[in-house]
Structures are given as structure tokens and as C-alpha cells.
């Protein structure tokens, strides 16, 4: 159910979703260092 909701958001606003993913990845890299 959660994945369905997420893909709906992605269809509506892919740029925002990609930005969030990028930010999460950057935060993860900072924690690893």
C-alpha cells in the first residue's frame, strides 16, 4: 500500500522525489565519512 502511494507521488512530481532521494543519499554519504 505504501509503495502504491509513493509511485503516485512520483508520477505527480518526479523532480521533487528525485531531489529527496538525492538529499537522503548525500546525508548517507556524510554519515559514512
PDB file of N, CA and C in Angstrom:
ATOM      1  N   UNK A   1       0.837  -1.210   0.000  1.00  0.00           N
ATOM      2  CA  UNK A   1       0.000   0.000   0.000  1.00  0.00           C
ATOM      3  C   UNK A   1       0.875   1.264   0.000  1.00  0.00           C
ATOM      4  N   UNK A   2       1.921   1.235   0.812  1.00  0.00           N
ATOM      5  CA  UNK A   2       2.817   2.396   0.901  1.00  0.00           C
ATOM      6  C   UNK A   2       3.535   2.635  -0.422  1.00  0.00           C
ATOM      7  N   UNK A   3       3.915   1.542  -1.097  1.00  0.00           N
ATOM      8  CA  UNK A   3       4.635   1.681  -2.370  1.00  0.00           C
ATOM      9  C   UNK A   3       3.718   2.269  -3.438  1.00  0.00           C
ATOM     10  N   UNK A   4       2.444   1.906  -3.402  1.00  0.00           N
ATOM     11  CA  UNK A   4       1.469   2.455  -4.351  1.00  0.00           C
ATOM     12  C   UNK A   4       1.356   3.964  -4.176  1.00  0.00           C
ATOM     13  N   UNK A   5       1.250   4.397  -2.941  1.00  0.00           N
ATOM     14  CA  UNK A   5       1.151   5.827  -2.641  1.00  0.00           C
ATOM     15  C   UNK A   5       2.389   6.553  -3.141  1.00  0.00           C
ATOM     16  N   UNK A   6       3.547   5.938  -2.899  1.00  0.00           N
ATOM     17  CA  UNK A   6       4.814   6.554  -3.280  1.00  0.00           C
ATOM     18  C   UNK A   6       4.914   6.715  -4.793  1.00  0.00           C
ATOM     19  N   UNK A   7       4.501   5.708  -5.546  1.00  0.00           N
ATOM     20  CA  UNK A   7       4.578   5.811  -7.008  1.00  0.00           C
ATOM     21  C   UNK A   7       3.599   6.863  -7.524  1.00  0.00           C
ATOM     22  N   UNK A   8       2.470   7.037  -6.842  1.00  0.00           N
ATOM     23  CA  UNK A   8       1.519   8.094  -7.215  1.00  0.00           C
ATOM     24  C   UNK A   8       2.167   9.462  -7.068  1.00  0.00           C
ATOM     25  N   UNK A   9       2.859   9.662  -5.961  1.00  0.00           N
ATOM     26  CA  UNK A   9       3.556  10.930  -5.711  1.00  0.00           C
ATOM     27  C   UNK A   9       4.626  11.122  -6.775  1.00  0.00           C
ATOM     28  N   UNK A  10       5.316  10.039  -7.119  1.00  0.00           N
ATOM     29  CA  UNK A  10       6.383  10.124  -8.120  1.00  0.00           C
ATOM     30  C   UNK A  10       5.818  10.558  -9.474  1.00  0.00           C
ATOM     31  N   UNK A  11       4.658  10.010  -9.846  1.00  0.00           N
ATOM     32  CA  UNK A  11       4.038  10.368 -11.129  1.00  0.00           C
ATOM     33  C   UNK A  11       3.641  11.846 -11.148  1.00  0.00           C
ATOM     34  N   UNK A  12       3.178  12.338 -10.007  1.00  0.00           N
ATOM     35  CA  UNK A  12       2.737  13.735  -9.932  1.00  0.00           C
ATOM     36  C   UNK A  12       3.915  14.697  -9.938  1.00  0.00           C
ATOM     37  N   UNK A  13       4.971  14.341  -9.199  1.00  0.00           N
ATOM     38  CA  UNK A  13       6.088  15.280  -9.030  1.00  0.00           C
ATOM     39  C   UNK A  13       7.426  14.538  -8.970  1.00  0.00           C
ATOM     40  N   UNK A  14       7.891  14.004 -10.096  1.00  0.00           N
ATOM     41  CA  UNK A  14       9.145  13.229 -10.104  1.00  0.00           C
ATOM     42  C   UNK A  14      10.357  14.037  -9.669  1.00  0.00           C
ATOM     43  N   UNK A  15      10.397  15.322 -10.024  1.00  0.00           N
ATOM     44  CA  UNK A  15      11.565  16.141  -9.670  1.00  0.00           C
ATOM     45  C   UNK A  15      11.716  16.251  -8.154  1.00  0.00           C
ATOM     46  N   UNK A  16      10.591  16.455  -7.464  1.00  0.00           N
ATOM     47  CA  UNK A  16      10.629  16.576  -6.007  1.00  0.00           C
ATOM     48  C   UNK A  16      11.101  15.274  -5.374  1.00  0.00           C
ATOM     49  N   UNK A  17      10.608  14.149  -5.902  1.00  0.00           N
ATOM     50  CA  UNK A  17      11.005  12.837  -5.373  1.00  0.00           C
ATOM     51  C   UNK A  17      12.494  12.611  -5.596  1.00  0.00           C
ATOM     52  N   UNK A  18      12.973  12.941  -6.796  1.00  0.00           N
ATOM     53  CA  UNK A  18      14.400  12.763  -7.102  1.00  0.00           C
ATOM     54  C   UNK A  18      15.264  13.638  -6.198  1.00  0.00           C
ATOM     55  N   UNK A  19      14.791  14.856  -5.922  1.00  0.00           N
ATOM     56  CA  UNK A  19      15.527  15.765  -5.046  1.00  0.00           C
ATOM     57  C   UNK A  19      15.635  15.177  -3.638  1.00  0.00           C
ATOM     58  N   UNK A  20      14.518  14.591  -3.170  1.00  0.00           N
ATOM     59  CA  UNK A  20      14.516  13.973  -1.838  1.00  0.00           C
ATOM     60  C   UNK A  20      15.471  12.791  -1.791  1.00  0.00           C
ATOM     61  N   UNK A  21      15.457  11.963  -2.835  1.00  0.00           N
ATOM     62  CA  UNK A  21      16.352  10.803  -2.901  1.00  0.00           C
ATOM     63  C   UNK A  21      17.802  11.271  -2.878  1.00  0.00           C
ATOM     64  N   UNK A  22      18.096  12.306  -3.650  1.00  0.00           N
ATOM     65  CA  UNK A  22      19.456  12.849  -3.720  1.00  0.00           C
ATOM     66  C   UNK A  22      19.898  13.346  -2.341  1.00  0.00           C
ATOM     67  N   UNK A  23      18.998  14.041  -1.658  1.00  0.00           N
ATOM     68  CA  UNK A  23      19.322  14.572  -0.328  1.00  0.00           C
ATOM     69  C   UNK A  23      19.583  13.432   0.659  1.00  0.00           C
ATOM     70  N   UNK A  24      18.757  12.393   0.612  1.00  0.00           N
ATOM     71  CA  UNK A  24      18.934  11.239   1.502  1.00  0.00           C
ATOM     72  C   UNK A  24      20.283  10.577   1.226  1.00  0.00           C
ATOM     73  N   UNK A  25      20.639  10.452  -0.053  1.00  0.00           N
ATOM     74  CA  UNK A  25      21.931   9.850  -0.422  1.00  0.00           C
ATOM     75  C   UNK A  25      23.082  10.694   0.098  1.00  0.00           C
ATOM     76  N   UNK A  26      22.977  12.015  -0.060  1.00  0.00           N
ATOM     77  CA  UNK A  26      24.039  12.920   0.403  1.00  0.00           C
ATOM     78  C   UNK A  26      24.189  12.823   1.922  1.00  0.00           C
ATOM     79  N   UNK A  27      23.057  12.765   2.634  1.00  0.00           N
ATOM     80  CA  UNK A  27      23.094  12.629   4.095  1.00  0.00           C
ATOM     81  C   UNK A  27      23.765  11.317   4.482  1.00  0.00           C
ATOM     82  N   UNK A  28      23.486  10.262   3.741  1.00  0.00           N
ATOM     83  CA  UNK A  28      24.094   8.952   3.993  1.00  0.00           C
ATOM     84  C   UNK A  28      25.594   8.985   3.790  1.00  0.00           C
ATOM     85  N   UNK A  29      26.040   9.682   2.757  1.00  0.00           N
ATOM     86  CA  UNK A  29      27.470   9.793   2.480  1.00  0.00           C
ATOM     87  C   UNK A  29      28.179  10.539   3.610  1.00  0.00           C
ATOM     88  N   UNK A  30      27.524  11.589   4.121  1.00  0.00           N
ATOM     89  CA  UNK A  30      28.108  12.380   5.216  1.00  0.00           C
ATOM     90  C   UNK A  30      28.283  11.512   6.460  1.00  0.00           C
ATOM     91  N   UNK A  31      27.305  10.656   6.735  1.00  0.00           N
ATOM     92  CA  UNK A  31      27.368   9.782   7.912  1.00  0.00           C
ATOM     93  C   UNK A  31      28.486   8.754   7.771  1.00  0.00           C
ATOM     94  N   UNK A  32      28.722   8.276   6.556  1.00  0.00           N
ATOM     95  CA  UNK A  32      29.764   7.270   6.319  1.00  0.00           C
ATOM     96  C   UNK A  32      31.162   7.844   6.524  1.00  0.00           C
ATOM     97  N   UNK A  33      31.339   9.111   6.217  1.00  0.00           N
ATOM     98  CA  UNK A  33      32.673   9.719   6.308  1.00  0.00           C
ATOM     99  C   UNK A  33      33.105   9.948   7.753  1.00  0.00           C
TER     100      UNK A  33
END
